[in-house]
Amino acid sequence: MELYLNEQKLDITLENEKTVGDVLRSFEQTASQNKCATVGIKIDGKQIEAQDFDKAADQPIESAKRIDLTVVSEDAVADAFKKASADIKDTVELLTQIPAQLQNGGDSKAKASIARLADVVDNFCHIIALSTLFPERFAAIKIDGKNLSAFFEDFMPIFNDLNGALSNGDTVTLGDLAEYEISPRLTALAEAVKNI
């Protein structure tokens, strides 16, 4: 059996492992000690979903030719937050230009800035999901006194308003939301995660 970690083949020697689950438990113990968590498992090219894990784990070790594990480290999540902070700050700069762009015929630039906002928020939500694997380090993040989940719960209606303004061609509301509602919140978010 071959074991790959983040697409790199590991040189391992099996000792008392008899099932795929034995190998995975042994690996997870080592990963945890190194502040890493497994986020993906493939056995012989087939992605193992959560509901299929027990069945896959019961397989005899001889039945698996290759196990691919995808892991993420606590430090990699912290680095992702720092990079996201910089991306958010760049996006805020673009958002503050939207009102002037809309007044001066720069609709395409404004729409590009909004598309970037969507990408940045989507990426940030992915990082939040990974951060839940390391609650002892990341659960304490607060933005204006709120944890990340509460912050985004309050933020979502503003995104919905933005989407509505975009759909209706309401450039006044679009500009106001970008400059006065979204930009300050994103600035607070970027500050909260820049030095994690």
C-alpha atoms as a PDB file:
ATOM      1  CA  MET A   1       0.000   0.000   0.000  1.00  0.00           C
ATOM      2  CA  GLU A   2       1.194   3.501  -0.851  1.00  0.00           C
ATOM      3  CA  LEU A   3       0.344   6.514   1.288  1.00  0.00           C
ATOM      4  CA  TYR A   4       0.374  10.028  -0.162  1.00  0.00           C
ATOM      5  CA  LEU A   5       0.152  13.225   1.831  1.00  0.00           C
ATOM      6  CA  ASN A   6      -0.844  16.355  -0.111  1.00  0.00           C
ATOM      7  CA  GLU A   7       0.240  14.541  -3.298  1.00  0.00           C
ATOM      8  CA  GLN A   8       3.671  13.622  -1.888  1.00  0.00           C
ATOM      9  CA  LYS A   9       4.459   9.935  -1.408  1.00  0.00           C
ATOM     10  CA  LEU A  10       5.348   9.046   2.169  1.00  0.00           C
ATOM     11  CA  ASP A  11       7.955   6.472   3.059  1.00  0.00           C
ATOM     12  CA  ILE A  12       6.110   4.460   5.697  1.00  0.00           C
ATOM     13  CA  THR A  13       6.458   1.105   7.332  1.00  0.00           C
ATOM     14  CA  LEU A  14       3.293  -0.561   8.499  1.00  0.00           C
ATOM     15  CA  GLU A  15       3.539  -2.230  11.892  1.00  0.00           C
ATOM     16  CA  ASN A  16       0.347  -3.640  13.420  1.00  0.00           C
ATOM     17  CA  GLU A  17      -2.164  -1.956  11.109  1.00  0.00           C
ATOM     18  CA  LYS A  18      -4.637  -4.468   9.705  1.00  0.00           C
ATOM     19  CA  THR A  19      -7.328  -2.187   8.255  1.00  0.00           C
ATOM     20  CA  VAL A  20      -7.458   1.093   6.373  1.00  0.00           C
ATOM     21  CA  GLY A  21      -8.961   2.576   9.550  1.00  0.00           C
ATOM     22  CA  ASP A  22      -5.906   1.511  11.560  1.00  0.00           C
ATOM     23  CA  VAL A  23      -3.671   3.393   9.117  1.00  0.00           C
ATOM     24  CA  LEU A  24      -5.921   6.453   9.176  1.00  0.00           C
ATOM     25  CA  ARG A  25      -6.134   6.526  12.994  1.00  0.00           C
ATOM     26  CA  SER A  26      -2.373   6.196  13.289  1.00  0.00           C
ATOM     27  CA  PHE A  27      -1.872   9.004  10.784  1.00  0.00           C
ATOM     28  CA  GLU A  28      -4.477  11.238  12.449  1.00  0.00           C
ATOM     29  CA  GLN A  29      -2.726  10.873  15.796  1.00  0.00           C
ATOM     30  CA  THR A  30       0.557  12.002  14.245  1.00  0.00           C
ATOM     31  CA  ALA A  31      -1.181  14.819  12.371  1.00  0.00           C
ATOM     32  CA  SER A  32      -2.851  16.081  15.543  1.00  0.00           C
ATOM     33  CA  GLN A  33       0.481  16.154  17.362  1.00  0.00           C
ATOM     34  CA  ASN A  34       1.787  18.344  14.546  1.00  0.00           C
ATOM     35  CA  LYS A  35      -1.251  20.681  14.626  1.00  0.00           C
ATOM     36  CA  CYS A  36      -2.614  19.360  11.346  1.00  0.00           C
ATOM     37  CA  ALA A  37      -6.025  18.012  10.383  1.00  0.00           C
ATOM     38  CA  THR A  38      -7.151  15.737   7.575  1.00  0.00           C
ATOM     39  CA  VAL A  39      -9.585  17.412   5.195  1.00  0.00           C
ATOM     40  CA  GLY A  40      -9.733  14.819   2.422  1.00  0.00           C
ATOM     41  CA  ILE A  41      -9.288  11.069   1.969  1.00  0.00           C
ATOM     42  CA  LYS A  42      -9.110   9.108  -1.269  1.00  0.00           C
ATOM     43  CA  ILE A  43      -8.710   5.383  -1.484  1.00  0.00           C
ATOM     44  CA  ASP A  44      -7.585   4.086  -4.863  1.00  0.00           C
ATOM     45  CA  GLY A  45      -8.724   7.345  -6.451  1.00  0.00           C
ATOM     46  CA  LYS A  46     -12.203   7.369  -4.871  1.00  0.00           C
ATOM     47  CA  GLN A  47     -13.050  10.311  -2.615  1.00  0.00           C
ATOM     48  CA  ILE A  48     -14.320   9.055   0.746  1.00  0.00           C
ATOM     49  CA  GLU A  49     -17.255  11.098   2.004  1.00  0.00           C
ATOM     50  CA  ALA A  50     -18.115  11.297   5.705  1.00  0.00           C
ATOM     51  CA  GLN A  51     -21.044   8.890   5.385  1.00  0.00           C
ATOM     52  CA  ASP A  52     -18.780   6.282   3.730  1.00  0.00           C
ATOM     53  CA  PHE A  53     -15.884   6.567   6.171  1.00  0.00           C
ATOM     54  CA  ASP A  54     -16.774   3.646   8.464  1.00  0.00           C
ATOM     55  CA  LYS A  55     -17.193   1.243   5.557  1.00  0.00           C
ATOM     56  CA  ALA A  56     -13.879   2.385   4.011  1.00  0.00           C
ATOM     57  CA  ALA A  57     -12.103   2.174   7.373  1.00  0.00           C
ATOM     58  CA  ASP A  58     -13.166  -1.474   7.814  1.00  0.00           C
ATOM     59  CA  GLN A  59     -11.404  -2.542   4.594  1.00  0.00           C
ATOM     60  CA  PRO A  60      -8.425  -4.843   5.072  1.00  0.00           C
ATOM     61  CA  ILE A  61      -5.161  -3.026   4.420  1.00  0.00           C
ATOM     62  CA  GLU A  62      -4.367  -5.359   1.512  1.00  0.00           C
ATOM     63  CA  SER A  63      -7.463  -4.187  -0.362  1.00  0.00           C
ATOM     64  CA  ALA A  64      -6.168  -0.618  -0.711  1.00  0.00           C
ATOM     65  CA  LYS A  65      -3.341   0.004  -3.133  1.00  0.00           C
ATOM     66  CA  ARG A  66      -3.126   3.749  -2.532  1.00  0.00           C
ATOM     67  CA  ILE A  67      -4.431   6.157   0.103  1.00  0.00           C
ATOM     68  CA  ASP A  68      -4.262   9.891  -0.600  1.00  0.00           C
ATOM     69  CA  LEU A  69      -4.670  12.239   2.358  1.00  0.00           C
ATOM     70  CA  THR A  70      -5.123  15.975   2.144  1.00  0.00           C
ATOM     71  CA  VAL A  71      -4.196  17.822   5.308  1.00  0.00           C
ATOM     72  CA  VAL A  72      -4.113  21.398   6.426  1.00  0.00           C
ATOM     73  CA  SER A  73      -1.995  22.802   9.227  1.00  0.00           C
ATOM     74  CA  GLU A  74      -3.005  25.320  11.849  1.00  0.00           C
ATOM     75  CA  ASP A  75      -0.214  27.618  10.647  1.00  0.00           C
ATOM     76  CA  ALA A  76      -1.422  27.354   7.042  1.00  0.00           C
ATOM     77  CA  VAL A  77      -4.878  28.502   8.169  1.00  0.00           C
ATOM     78  CA  ALA A  78      -3.307  31.428  10.055  1.00  0.00           C
ATOM     79  CA  ASP A  79      -1.323  32.356   6.924  1.00  0.00           C
ATOM     80  CA  ALA A  80      -4.510  32.135   4.848  1.00  0.00           C
ATOM     81  CA  PHE A  81      -6.224  34.553   7.239  1.00  0.00           C
ATOM     82  CA  LYS A  82      -3.307  37.003   6.901  1.00  0.00           C
ATOM     83  CA  LYS A  83      -3.401  36.811   3.111  1.00  0.00           C
ATOM     84  CA  ALA A  84      -7.186  37.213   3.178  1.00  0.00           C
ATOM     85  CA  SER A  85      -6.747  40.316   5.332  1.00  0.00           C
ATOM     86  CA  ALA A  86      -4.582  41.898   2.621  1.00  0.00           C
ATOM     87  CA  ASP A  87      -7.051  40.837  -0.107  1.00  0.00           C
ATOM     88  CA  ILE A  88      -9.923  42.333   1.865  1.00  0.00           C
ATOM     89  CA  LYS A  89      -8.075  45.647   2.284  1.00  0.00           C
ATOM     90  CA  ASP A  90      -7.447  45.776  -1.477  1.00  0.00           C
ATOM     91  CA  THR A  91     -11.129  45.032  -2.096  1.00  0.00           C
ATOM     92  CA  VAL A  92     -12.224  47.798   0.303  1.00  0.00           C
ATOM     93  CA  GLU A  93     -10.135  50.235  -1.736  1.00  0.00           C
ATOM     94  CA  LEU A  94     -12.035  49.154  -4.852  1.00  0.00           C
ATOM     95  CA  LEU A  95     -15.430  49.332  -3.120  1.00  0.00           C
ATOM     96  CA  THR A  96     -14.904  52.907  -1.966  1.00  0.00           C
ATOM     97  CA  GLN A  97     -14.470  53.902  -5.637  1.00  0.00           C
ATOM     98  CA  ILE A  98     -17.815  52.417  -6.705  1.00  0.00           C
ATOM     99  CA  PRO A  99     -19.991  55.519  -6.068  1.00  0.00           C
ATOM    100  CA  ALA A 100     -17.732  57.708  -8.217  1.00  0.00           C
ATOM    101  CA  GLN A 101     -17.495  55.013 -10.902  1.00  0.00           C
ATOM    102  CA  LEU A 102     -21.271  54.694 -11.091  1.00  0.00           C
ATOM    103  CA  GLN A 103     -21.660  58.464 -11.416  1.00  0.00           C
ATOM    104  CA  ASN A 104     -19.041  58.678 -14.150  1.00  0.00           C
ATOM    105  CA  GLY A 105     -20.104  55.808 -16.417  1.00  0.00           C
ATOM    106  CA  GLY A 106     -17.722  53.246 -14.926  1.00  0.00           C
ATOM    107  CA  ASP A 107     -20.399  50.600 -14.455  1.00  0.00           C
ATOM    108  CA  SER A 108     -18.139  47.801 -15.701  1.00  0.00           C
ATOM    109  CA  LYS A 109     -15.422  48.716 -13.166  1.00  0.00           C
ATOM    110  CA  ALA A 110     -18.012  48.813 -10.399  1.00  0.00           C
ATOM    111  CA  LYS A 111     -19.335  45.382 -11.396  1.00  0.00           C
ATOM    112  CA  ALA A 112     -15.784  44.006 -11.493  1.00  0.00           C
ATOM    113  CA  SER A 113     -15.228  45.299  -7.954  1.00  0.00           C
ATOM    114  CA  ILE A 114     -18.433  43.616  -6.791  1.00  0.00           C
ATOM    115  CA  ALA A 115     -17.369  40.364  -8.457  1.00  0.00           C
ATOM    116  CA  ARG A 116     -14.055  40.605  -6.626  1.00  0.00           C
ATOM    117  CA  LEU A 117     -15.951  41.178  -3.369  1.00  0.00           C
ATOM    118  CA  ALA A 118     -17.889  37.951  -3.961  1.00  0.00           C
ATOM    119  CA  ASP A 119     -14.663  36.016  -4.611  1.00  0.00           C
ATOM    120  CA  VAL A 120     -12.933  37.440  -1.528  1.00  0.00           C
ATOM    121  CA  VAL A 121     -15.898  36.657   0.735  1.00  0.00           C
ATOM    122  CA  ASP A 122     -16.212  33.143  -0.714  1.00  0.00           C
ATOM    123  CA  ASN A 123     -12.511  32.498  -0.076  1.00  0.00           C
ATOM    124  CA  PHE A 124     -12.798  33.892   3.445  1.00  0.00           C
ATOM    125  CA  CYS A 125     -15.741  31.602   4.224  1.00  0.00           C
ATOM    126  CA  HIS A 126     -13.619  28.639   3.092  1.00  0.00           C
ATOM    127  CA  ILE A 127     -10.869  29.726   5.498  1.00  0.00           C
ATOM    128  CA  ILE A 128     -13.424  30.024   8.307  1.00  0.00           C
ATOM    129  CA  ALA A 129     -14.522  26.435   7.637  1.00  0.00           C
ATOM    130  CA  LEU A 130     -10.901  25.260   7.913  1.00  0.00           C
ATOM    131  CA  SER A 131     -10.371  27.313  11.070  1.00  0.00           C
ATOM    132  CA  THR A 132     -13.069  25.313  12.857  1.00  0.00           C
ATOM    133  CA  LEU A 133     -10.641  22.375  12.784  1.00  0.00           C
ATOM    134  CA  PHE A 134      -8.447  24.325  15.220  1.00  0.00           C
ATOM    135  CA  PRO A 135     -10.895  25.927  17.658  1.00  0.00           C
ATOM    136  CA  GLU A 136      -8.333  26.464  20.391  1.00  0.00           C
ATOM    137  CA  ARG A 137      -6.542  28.985  18.193  1.00  0.00           C
ATOM    138  CA  PHE A 138      -9.258  30.529  16.024  1.00  0.00           C
ATOM    139  CA  ALA A 139     -12.524  30.401  18.006  1.00  0.00           C
ATOM    140  CA  ALA A 140     -11.548  33.558  19.885  1.00  0.00           C
ATOM    141  CA  ILE A 141     -11.545  35.766  16.763  1.00  0.00           C
ATOM    142  CA  LYS A 142     -13.894  38.694  17.329  1.00  0.00           C
ATOM    143  CA  ILE A 143     -15.019  41.464  14.980  1.00  0.00           C
ATOM    144  CA  ASP A 144     -16.763  44.312  16.743  1.00  0.00           C
ATOM    145  CA  GLY A 145     -17.367  41.960  19.679  1.00  0.00           C
ATOM    146  CA  LYS A 146     -18.881  39.182  17.522  1.00  0.00           C
ATOM    147  CA  ASN A 147     -17.453  35.807  16.602  1.00  0.00           C
ATOM    148  CA  LEU A 148     -17.023  35.048  12.906  1.00  0.00           C
ATOM    149  CA  SER A 149     -20.327  33.215  12.605  1.00  0.00           C
ATOM    150  CA  ALA A 150     -22.362  36.035  14.209  1.00  0.00           C
ATOM    151  CA  PHE A 151     -20.466  38.640  12.184  1.00  0.00           C
ATOM    152  CA  PHE A 152     -21.373  36.971   8.873  1.00  0.00           C
ATOM    153  CA  GLU A 153     -24.933  36.296  10.014  1.00  0.00           C
ATOM    154  CA  ASP A 154     -25.349  40.065  10.483  1.00  0.00           C
ATOM    155  CA  PHE A 155     -23.504  40.746   7.226  1.00  0.00           C
ATOM    156  CA  MET A 156     -25.608  38.493   4.957  1.00  0.00           C
ATOM    157  CA  PRO A 157     -28.688  40.771   4.757  1.00  0.00           C
ATOM    158  CA  ILE A 158     -26.400  43.552   3.485  1.00  0.00           C
ATOM    159  CA  PHE A 159     -25.109  41.236   0.746  1.00  0.00           C
ATOM    160  CA  ASN A 160     -28.700  40.416  -0.135  1.00  0.00           C
ATOM    161  CA  ASP A 161     -29.467  44.145  -0.372  1.00  0.00           C
ATOM    162  CA  LEU A 162     -26.397  44.586  -2.577  1.00  0.00           C
ATOM    163  CA  ASN A 163     -27.546  41.782  -4.854  1.00  0.00           C
ATOM    164  CA  GLY A 164     -31.020  43.329  -5.045  1.00  0.00           C
ATOM    165  CA  ALA A 165     -29.593  46.757  -5.916  1.00  0.00           C
ATOM    166  CA  LEU A 166     -27.399  45.170  -8.576  1.00  0.00           C
ATOM    167  CA  SER A 167     -30.338  43.249 -10.073  1.00  0.00           C
ATOM    168  CA  ASN A 168     -32.558  46.346 -10.086  1.00  0.00           C
ATOM    169  CA  GLY A 169     -29.889  48.671 -11.466  1.00  0.00           C
ATOM    170  CA  ASP A 170     -30.226  50.842  -8.343  1.00  0.00           C
ATOM    171  CA  THR A 171     -26.865  52.590  -8.557  1.00  0.00           C
ATOM    172  CA  VAL A 172     -27.528  54.924  -5.610  1.00  0.00           C
ATOM    173  CA  THR A 173     -28.206  52.065  -3.194  1.00  0.00           C
ATOM    174  CA  LEU A 174     -25.349  50.066  -4.708  1.00  0.00           C
ATOM    175  CA  GLY A 175     -22.886  52.896  -4.090  1.00  0.00           C
ATOM    176  CA  ASP A 176     -24.184  53.581  -0.584  1.00  0.00           C
ATOM    177  CA  LEU A 177     -23.991  49.942   0.434  1.00  0.00           C
ATOM    178  CA  ALA A 178     -20.476  49.529  -0.965  1.00  0.00           C
ATOM    179  CA  GLU A 179     -19.123  52.663   0.697  1.00  0.00           C
ATOM    180  CA  TYR A 180     -21.040  52.943   3.974  1.00  0.00           C
ATOM    181  CA  GLU A 181     -22.152  49.431   4.887  1.00  0.00           C
ATOM    182  CA  ILE A 182     -19.775  46.894   3.377  1.00  0.00           C
ATOM    183  CA  SER A 183     -16.434  48.730   3.381  1.00  0.00           C
ATOM    184  CA  PRO A 184     -16.395  49.530   7.142  1.00  0.00           C
ATOM    185  CA  ARG A 185     -17.339  45.958   8.022  1.00  0.00           C
ATOM    186  CA  LEU A 186     -14.680  44.510   5.741  1.00  0.00           C
ATOM    187  CA  THR A 187     -12.097  46.881   7.213  1.00  0.00           C
ATOM    188  CA  ALA A 188     -12.971  45.643  10.723  1.00  0.00           C
ATOM    189  CA  LEU A 189     -12.761  42.043   9.483  1.00  0.00           C
ATOM    190  CA  ALA A 190      -9.343  42.589   7.898  1.00  0.00           C
ATOM    191  CA  GLU A 191      -8.022  44.152  11.108  1.00  0.00           C
ATOM    192  CA  ALA A 192      -9.350  41.291  13.232  1.00  0.00           C
ATOM    193  CA  VAL A 193      -7.501  38.570  11.293  1.00  0.00           C
ATOM    194  CA  LYS A 194      -4.325  40.290  10.084  1.00  0.00           C
ATOM    195  CA  ASN A 195      -2.139  39.220  13.046  1.00  0.00           C
ATOM    196  CA  ILE A 196      -3.550  35.814  13.947  1.00  0.00           C
END
